[in-house]
Amino acid sequence: MSSTPPDAGRTPLRLGTRRSRLAMAQSGLVADSVRSLTGRPVELVEITTYGDTSREALAQIGGTGVFVSALRDALLRGEIDFAVHSLKDLPTTDPEGLVLAAVPSREDPRDALIARDGLTFEQLTAPSQRGPARIGTGSPRRMAQLNAWARTLGRDIETVPIRGNVETRIGFVRSGELDGVVLAAAGLTRIGLIDEATEKLPVDTVLPAPGQGALAIECAASNADLAARLAELDDPYTRVAVTAERSLLAALEAGCSAPVGALADLLADGQVVTELRLRGVVGTTDGKTLVQLSTTGPVPASHDDALALGRDLAAEMLAKGAAGLMGEREL
């Protein structure tokens, strides 16, 4: 009996992806999984988004969705069969006609520091004749938490707004223009540059963006057969965690470019996952004011339960003044 998958030899599936090295690497990982799952060939279709071509700060061009709208338009026009996004880039509202078919197992959600001379954050910010360390990031979320961390150490830093791909940002450190930059550890891992990191920042000090480290596989809702196959790549624990994080973001009425950090941790008793802890933070970029709260409870049994968990924590944060801290957007 032949072991050839029943879908082998059929028309290739078209996977839409942004053109950056990181996006191509992420999409390549998903393409390999889909080939193994379906036996069908998968071809990458490169699509340029407005967020890729504009050099303006994302706050000035809308922020939310600028990296995904072109991919979604291609899906709705039938030019591609499915798309891969960094989940943290997705708007929290569900688009009409599309379905989030799968959220695969999450990569490390932490932020990572790449600093001169192999220094950690505490070493980099130690008083010296150089003056305050200059740390590059395009994210007010990171700026707020890095400045708050420095303040707890009794130190000053200068956070410098930057844009550009991963290699460009690392180049600011190599050239000596900056003392360090902060990037997502997951992205560095996926393009083989995690060894450049001098420290993975502890989530007790710097919470990541909601959904950071996770990928989103999206397809047309009308393509039920493909959606069902892609759903086999879904990791239920990652799905429930990022659903809670994104629910908090949505309940704060903040887009994916807002200065909000969130992380849902699955807590285990031995080998059995028993609880979920959701943490959230909003702060001013100078680090002087943070609203940071957490909640722990049973692992949500349903999508609606995960949504409720995020909404409830957001309500507590709003009661503590979070709304007044969200005037700044991520760059």
Protein backbone atom coordinates (compact mmCIF):
# COMPACT_ATOMS: atom_id res chain seq x y z
CA MET A 1 0.00 0.00 0.00
CA SER A 2 1.35 3.45 -0.92
CA SER A 3 2.21 5.79 1.93
CA THR A 4 1.93 8.88 -0.30
CA PRO A 5 -0.38 11.48 1.33
CA PRO A 6 -3.70 11.78 -0.52
CA ASP A 7 -3.07 15.48 -1.29
CA ALA A 8 0.34 14.87 -2.87
CA GLY A 9 0.78 16.22 -6.39
CA ARG A 10 -2.09 18.67 -6.15
CA THR A 11 -1.93 22.39 -6.92
CA PRO A 12 0.46 24.22 -4.59
CA LEU A 13 -0.97 26.13 -1.67
CA ARG A 14 -0.04 29.81 -1.83
CA LEU A 15 1.24 31.22 1.45
CA GLY A 16 1.30 35.01 1.69
CA THR A 17 4.15 36.57 3.62
CA ARG A 18 5.89 39.87 4.15
CA ARG A 19 9.29 40.15 2.47
CA SER A 20 11.53 40.74 5.47
CA ARG A 21 14.07 38.11 6.48
CA LEU A 22 12.15 37.46 9.69
CA ALA A 23 8.76 37.16 7.98
CA MET A 24 10.20 34.80 5.37
CA ALA A 25 11.80 32.65 8.07
CA GLN A 26 8.55 32.46 10.03
CA SER A 27 6.53 31.65 6.94
CA GLY A 28 9.09 29.04 5.91
CA LEU A 29 8.61 27.23 9.22
CA VAL A 30 4.85 27.19 8.74
CA ALA A 31 5.21 26.12 5.09
CA ASP A 32 7.25 23.10 6.19
CA SER A 33 4.58 22.13 8.71
CA VAL A 34 1.78 22.51 6.16
CA ARG A 35 3.67 20.41 3.59
CA SER A 36 4.11 17.65 6.15
CA LEU A 37 0.49 17.91 7.23
CA THR A 38 -1.18 17.94 3.82
CA GLY A 39 1.39 16.42 1.46
CA ARG A 40 0.80 19.39 -0.84
CA PRO A 41 3.50 21.72 -2.10
CA VAL A 42 3.49 25.21 -0.57
CA GLU A 43 4.86 28.26 -2.36
CA LEU A 44 5.65 31.56 -0.66
CA VAL A 45 4.03 34.63 -2.19
CA GLU A 46 5.89 37.79 -1.14
CA ILE A 47 3.66 40.78 -0.41
CA THR A 48 4.84 44.27 0.51
CA THR A 49 2.84 46.00 3.23
CA TYR A 50 2.59 49.73 3.89
CA GLY A 51 4.38 49.24 7.21
CA ASP A 52 7.36 47.81 5.31
CA THR A 53 7.75 50.71 2.89
CA SER A 54 6.91 53.73 5.06
CA ARG A 55 9.71 55.29 7.08
CA GLU A 56 7.28 57.22 9.26
CA ALA A 57 6.70 56.26 12.85
CA LEU A 58 3.88 53.74 13.04
CA ALA A 59 1.91 56.10 15.25
CA GLN A 60 1.75 58.53 12.34
CA ILE A 61 0.56 55.99 9.76
CA GLY A 62 -2.03 54.30 11.95
CA GLY A 63 0.04 51.68 13.75
CA THR A 64 -2.59 49.00 14.03
CA GLY A 65 -2.66 46.59 11.12
CA VAL A 66 -0.14 48.33 8.84
CA PHE A 67 1.83 45.08 8.53
CA VAL A 68 -1.19 42.85 7.87
CA SER A 69 -3.76 44.72 5.76
CA ALA A 70 -2.09 43.95 2.41
CA LEU A 71 -1.93 40.25 3.27
CA ARG A 72 -5.56 40.23 4.31
CA ASP A 73 -6.59 42.01 1.12
CA ALA A 74 -4.75 39.35 -0.91
CA LEU A 75 -6.60 36.62 1.00
CA LEU A 76 -9.98 38.20 0.36
CA ARG A 77 -9.16 38.60 -3.36
CA GLY A 78 -8.15 34.93 -3.58
CA GLU A 79 -4.58 35.74 -4.59
CA ILE A 80 -3.21 33.60 -1.74
CA ASP A 81 -4.67 30.66 0.17
CA PHE A 82 -3.40 31.49 3.64
CA ALA A 83 -1.12 33.98 5.37
CA VAL A 84 1.30 33.99 8.27
CA HIS A 85 1.54 36.97 10.63
CA SER A 86 3.37 37.80 13.81
CA LEU A 87 0.40 37.60 16.15
CA LYS A 88 1.39 40.78 17.99
CA ASP A 89 0.85 42.70 14.72
CA LEU A 90 -2.79 41.63 14.34
CA PRO A 91 -5.57 44.07 15.23
CA THR A 92 -7.78 42.70 17.99
CA THR A 93 -10.99 42.96 15.95
CA ASP A 94 -11.89 39.92 13.86
CA PRO A 95 -11.91 40.71 10.11
CA GLU A 96 -15.02 39.83 8.13
CA GLY A 97 -14.50 36.90 5.79
CA LEU A 98 -11.29 35.63 7.43
CA VAL A 99 -10.58 33.12 10.17
CA LEU A 100 -7.61 32.68 12.51
CA ALA A 101 -7.19 29.02 11.65
CA ALA A 102 -4.21 28.21 13.87
CA VAL A 103 -1.88 29.61 16.49
CA PRO A 104 1.10 27.21 16.62
CA SER A 105 3.19 26.61 19.72
CA ARG A 106 4.73 29.85 20.91
CA GLU A 107 8.41 30.74 20.79
CA ASP A 108 10.09 32.54 23.72
CA PRO A 109 7.90 35.63 24.37
CA ARG A 110 10.60 37.67 26.12
CA ASP A 111 12.40 40.76 24.91
CA ALA A 112 16.15 40.52 24.42
CA LEU A 113 18.90 43.08 24.88
CA ILE A 114 21.77 43.31 22.40
CA ALA A 115 24.39 45.51 24.03
CA ARG A 116 27.94 46.60 23.38
CA ASP A 117 30.72 44.56 24.95
CA GLY A 118 28.34 41.73 25.87
CA LEU A 119 26.84 43.70 28.76
CA THR A 120 23.61 42.99 30.64
CA PHE A 121 21.11 45.78 31.34
CA GLU A 122 22.40 46.35 34.86
CA GLN A 123 26.01 46.43 33.65
CA LEU A 124 25.16 48.67 30.69
CA THR A 125 23.36 51.22 32.85
CA ALA A 126 26.02 51.43 35.56
CA PRO A 127 27.35 55.00 35.96
CA SER A 128 30.33 55.70 33.72
CA GLN A 129 32.16 58.50 31.96
CA ARG A 130 30.14 57.66 28.84
CA GLY A 131 27.06 59.16 30.45
CA PRO A 132 23.60 57.52 30.35
CA ALA A 133 23.38 54.40 28.19
CA ARG A 134 21.64 55.02 24.86
CA ILE A 135 19.21 52.16 24.18
CA GLY A 136 17.27 51.95 20.93
CA THR A 137 13.70 50.74 20.60
CA GLY A 138 10.69 51.75 18.56
CA SER A 139 8.31 50.73 21.34
CA PRO A 140 6.86 53.02 24.02
CA ARG A 141 5.95 49.80 25.89
CA ARG A 142 9.63 48.93 26.13
CA MET A 143 10.64 52.52 26.80
CA ALA A 144 8.28 52.73 29.78
CA GLN A 145 9.49 49.52 31.36
CA LEU A 146 13.19 50.06 30.63
CA ASN A 147 13.07 53.54 32.12
CA ALA A 148 11.16 52.24 35.15
CA TRP A 149 13.77 49.50 35.61
CA ALA A 150 16.59 52.03 35.41
CA ARG A 151 14.83 54.22 37.96
CA THR A 152 14.59 51.33 40.43
CA LEU A 153 18.36 50.92 40.02
CA GLY A 154 18.86 54.63 40.64
CA ARG A 155 20.21 55.18 37.13
CA ASP A 156 19.43 57.22 34.03
CA ILE A 157 19.17 55.91 30.48
CA GLU A 158 18.30 57.51 27.16
CA THR A 159 15.80 55.58 25.08
CA VAL A 160 16.22 56.36 21.39
CA PRO A 161 13.35 55.79 18.90
CA ILE A 162 14.46 53.57 16.00
CA ARG A 163 12.89 51.69 13.09
CA GLY A 164 14.22 49.17 10.60
CA ASN A 165 14.61 45.43 10.28
CA VAL A 166 16.47 43.26 12.79
CA GLU A 167 19.84 43.58 11.04
CA THR A 168 19.52 47.36 10.81
CA ARG A 169 18.79 47.64 14.52
CA ILE A 170 21.69 45.39 15.50
CA GLY A 171 23.87 47.53 13.24
CA PHE A 172 23.26 50.57 15.45
CA VAL A 173 25.10 48.75 18.25
CA ARG A 174 27.88 47.38 16.08
CA SER A 175 28.60 50.85 14.69
CA GLY A 176 28.72 52.38 18.16
CA GLU A 177 25.78 54.68 17.45
CA LEU A 178 23.85 53.07 20.32
CA ASP A 179 24.91 51.21 23.45
CA GLY A 180 22.16 48.67 23.04
CA VAL A 181 18.89 47.77 21.33
CA VAL A 182 15.93 45.71 22.51
CA LEU A 183 14.25 43.21 20.18
CA ALA A 184 11.91 40.24 20.50
CA ALA A 185 13.82 37.08 21.42
CA ALA A 186 11.52 35.02 19.19
CA GLY A 187 12.48 36.93 16.07
CA LEU A 188 16.17 36.61 16.82
CA THR A 189 15.75 32.88 17.33
CA ARG A 190 13.85 32.37 14.09
CA ILE A 191 16.54 34.02 11.97
CA GLY A 192 19.43 32.39 13.82
CA LEU A 193 20.67 35.52 15.61
CA ILE A 194 19.71 34.75 19.22
CA ASP A 195 23.40 34.42 20.09
CA GLU A 196 23.67 38.17 19.48
CA ALA A 197 21.56 38.74 22.61
CA THR A 198 23.52 39.66 25.70
CA GLU A 199 20.50 39.17 27.97
CA LYS A 200 16.93 37.96 27.75
CA LEU A 201 14.99 40.46 29.80
CA PRO A 202 13.03 38.99 32.73
CA VAL A 203 9.26 39.24 32.32
CA ASP A 204 9.00 40.27 35.97
CA THR A 205 10.64 43.52 34.83
CA VAL A 206 9.70 43.89 31.14
CA LEU A 207 6.43 42.36 29.98
CA PRO A 208 6.27 41.60 26.23
CA ALA A 209 3.67 42.82 23.77
CA PRO A 210 0.41 40.82 23.79
CA GLY A 211 0.90 37.79 21.56
CA GLN A 212 4.68 38.29 21.26
CA GLY A 213 6.47 35.13 20.17
CA ALA A 214 3.35 33.59 18.63
CA LEU A 215 2.43 33.23 14.97
CA ALA A 216 -1.02 33.54 13.42
CA ILE A 217 -2.13 31.46 10.43
CA GLU A 218 -5.09 33.08 8.70
CA CYS A 219 -7.23 31.97 5.77
CA ALA A 220 -10.55 32.77 4.13
CA ALA A 221 -13.55 31.66 6.17
CA SER A 222 -15.11 30.35 2.96
CA ASN A 223 -12.29 27.81 2.58
CA ALA A 224 -13.57 25.52 5.31
CA ASP A 225 -11.54 22.49 4.22
CA LEU A 226 -8.24 24.37 4.37
CA ALA A 227 -9.17 26.02 7.66
CA ALA A 228 -9.86 22.58 9.15
CA ARG A 229 -6.49 21.23 8.01
CA LEU A 230 -4.60 24.28 9.25
CA ALA A 231 -6.38 23.98 12.60
CA GLU A 232 -4.36 20.81 13.19
CA LEU A 233 -1.34 23.09 13.72
CA ASP A 234 -3.06 24.92 16.56
CA ASP A 235 -1.57 24.67 20.06
CA PRO A 236 -4.45 24.95 22.56
CA TYR A 237 -2.31 26.30 25.40
CA THR A 238 -0.78 29.01 23.22
CA ARG A 239 -4.22 29.86 21.86
CA VAL A 240 -5.79 30.34 25.28
CA ALA A 241 -2.83 32.40 26.52
CA VAL A 242 -2.75 34.82 23.60
CA THR A 243 -6.55 35.08 23.60
CA ALA A 244 -6.43 36.34 27.18
CA GLU A 245 -3.60 38.77 26.37
CA ARG A 246 -5.35 40.17 23.31
CA SER A 247 -8.64 40.42 25.17
CA LEU A 248 -6.94 42.64 27.74
CA LEU A 249 -5.56 44.79 24.92
CA ALA A 250 -8.96 45.09 23.28
CA ALA A 251 -10.74 45.88 26.56
CA LEU A 252 -8.27 48.70 27.17
CA GLU A 253 -9.48 49.99 23.78
CA ALA A 254 -5.89 49.96 22.60
CA GLY A 255 -4.63 48.75 19.24
CA CYS A 256 -1.75 46.35 18.70
CA SER A 257 0.56 49.39 18.50
CA ALA A 258 -0.36 50.70 21.97
CA PRO A 259 2.15 50.76 24.86
CA VAL A 260 0.58 47.77 26.59
CA GLY A 261 2.49 44.75 27.85
CA ALA A 262 0.77 41.47 28.67
CA LEU A 263 1.72 37.87 29.28
CA ALA A 264 -0.36 34.84 30.19
CA ASP A 265 1.69 32.12 31.93
CA LEU A 266 0.46 28.57 32.21
CA LEU A 267 1.30 27.28 35.68
CA ALA A 268 1.84 23.57 36.17
CA ASP A 269 1.72 21.19 39.11
CA GLY A 270 4.32 18.70 37.98
CA GLN A 271 3.36 17.76 34.42
CA VAL A 272 -0.24 18.96 34.69
CA VAL A 273 -1.19 22.53 33.74
CA THR A 274 -3.52 23.76 36.48
CA GLU A 275 -3.68 27.56 36.37
CA LEU A 276 -3.17 30.57 34.14
CA ARG A 277 -1.61 33.81 35.38
CA LEU A 278 -2.28 36.93 33.32
CA ARG A 279 -0.14 40.02 33.85
CA GLY A 280 -0.62 43.43 32.24
CA VAL A 281 1.17 46.77 32.27
CA VAL A 282 0.68 50.26 30.86
CA GLY A 283 3.12 53.10 31.51
CA THR A 284 4.42 56.48 30.48
CA THR A 285 7.58 56.34 28.39
CA ASP A 286 9.65 58.09 31.05
CA GLY A 287 8.94 55.19 33.40
CA LYS A 288 7.63 57.44 36.14
CA THR A 289 4.13 55.97 36.13
CA LEU A 290 3.18 52.33 35.59
CA VAL A 291 -0.09 50.52 36.13
CA GLN A 292 0.82 46.86 36.50
CA LEU A 293 -1.58 44.19 37.73
CA SER A 294 -2.02 40.43 37.54
CA THR A 295 -4.64 37.77 38.10
CA THR A 296 -4.40 34.00 38.51
CA GLY A 297 -7.13 31.43 38.08
CA PRO A 298 -8.06 28.09 36.51
CA VAL A 299 -7.02 27.56 32.90
CA PRO A 300 -9.91 28.94 30.84
CA ALA A 301 -12.10 26.11 29.61
CA SER A 302 -13.29 27.98 26.55
CA HIS A 303 -12.54 30.87 24.22
CA ASP A 304 -15.16 32.95 26.04
CA ASP A 305 -13.53 32.24 29.41
CA ALA A 306 -10.17 33.45 28.07
CA LEU A 307 -11.80 36.60 26.75
CA ALA A 308 -13.44 37.22 30.14
CA LEU A 309 -10.12 36.85 31.95
CA GLY A 310 -8.54 39.58 29.82
CA ARG A 311 -11.54 41.87 30.15
CA ASP A 312 -11.63 41.52 33.92
CA LEU A 313 -7.96 42.40 34.37
CA ALA A 314 -8.34 45.33 31.97
CA ALA A 315 -11.23 46.65 34.06
CA GLU A 316 -9.00 46.58 37.14
CA MET A 317 -6.23 48.38 35.26
CA LEU A 318 -8.63 51.04 34.00
CA ALA A 319 -9.87 51.56 37.57
CA LYS A 320 -6.24 52.21 38.54
CA GLY A 321 -5.83 54.90 35.88
CA ALA A 322 -4.52 52.94 32.85
CA ALA A 323 -6.60 54.93 30.36
CA GLY A 324 -4.66 58.09 31.06
CA LEU A 325 -1.36 56.42 30.20
CA MET A 326 -2.21 55.21 26.69
CA GLY A 327 -1.79 58.43 24.73
CA GLU A 328 1.53 57.22 23.31
CA ARG A 329 1.71 54.58 20.60
CA GLU A 330 4.37 52.08 19.65
CA LEU A 331 6.69 53.08 16.80
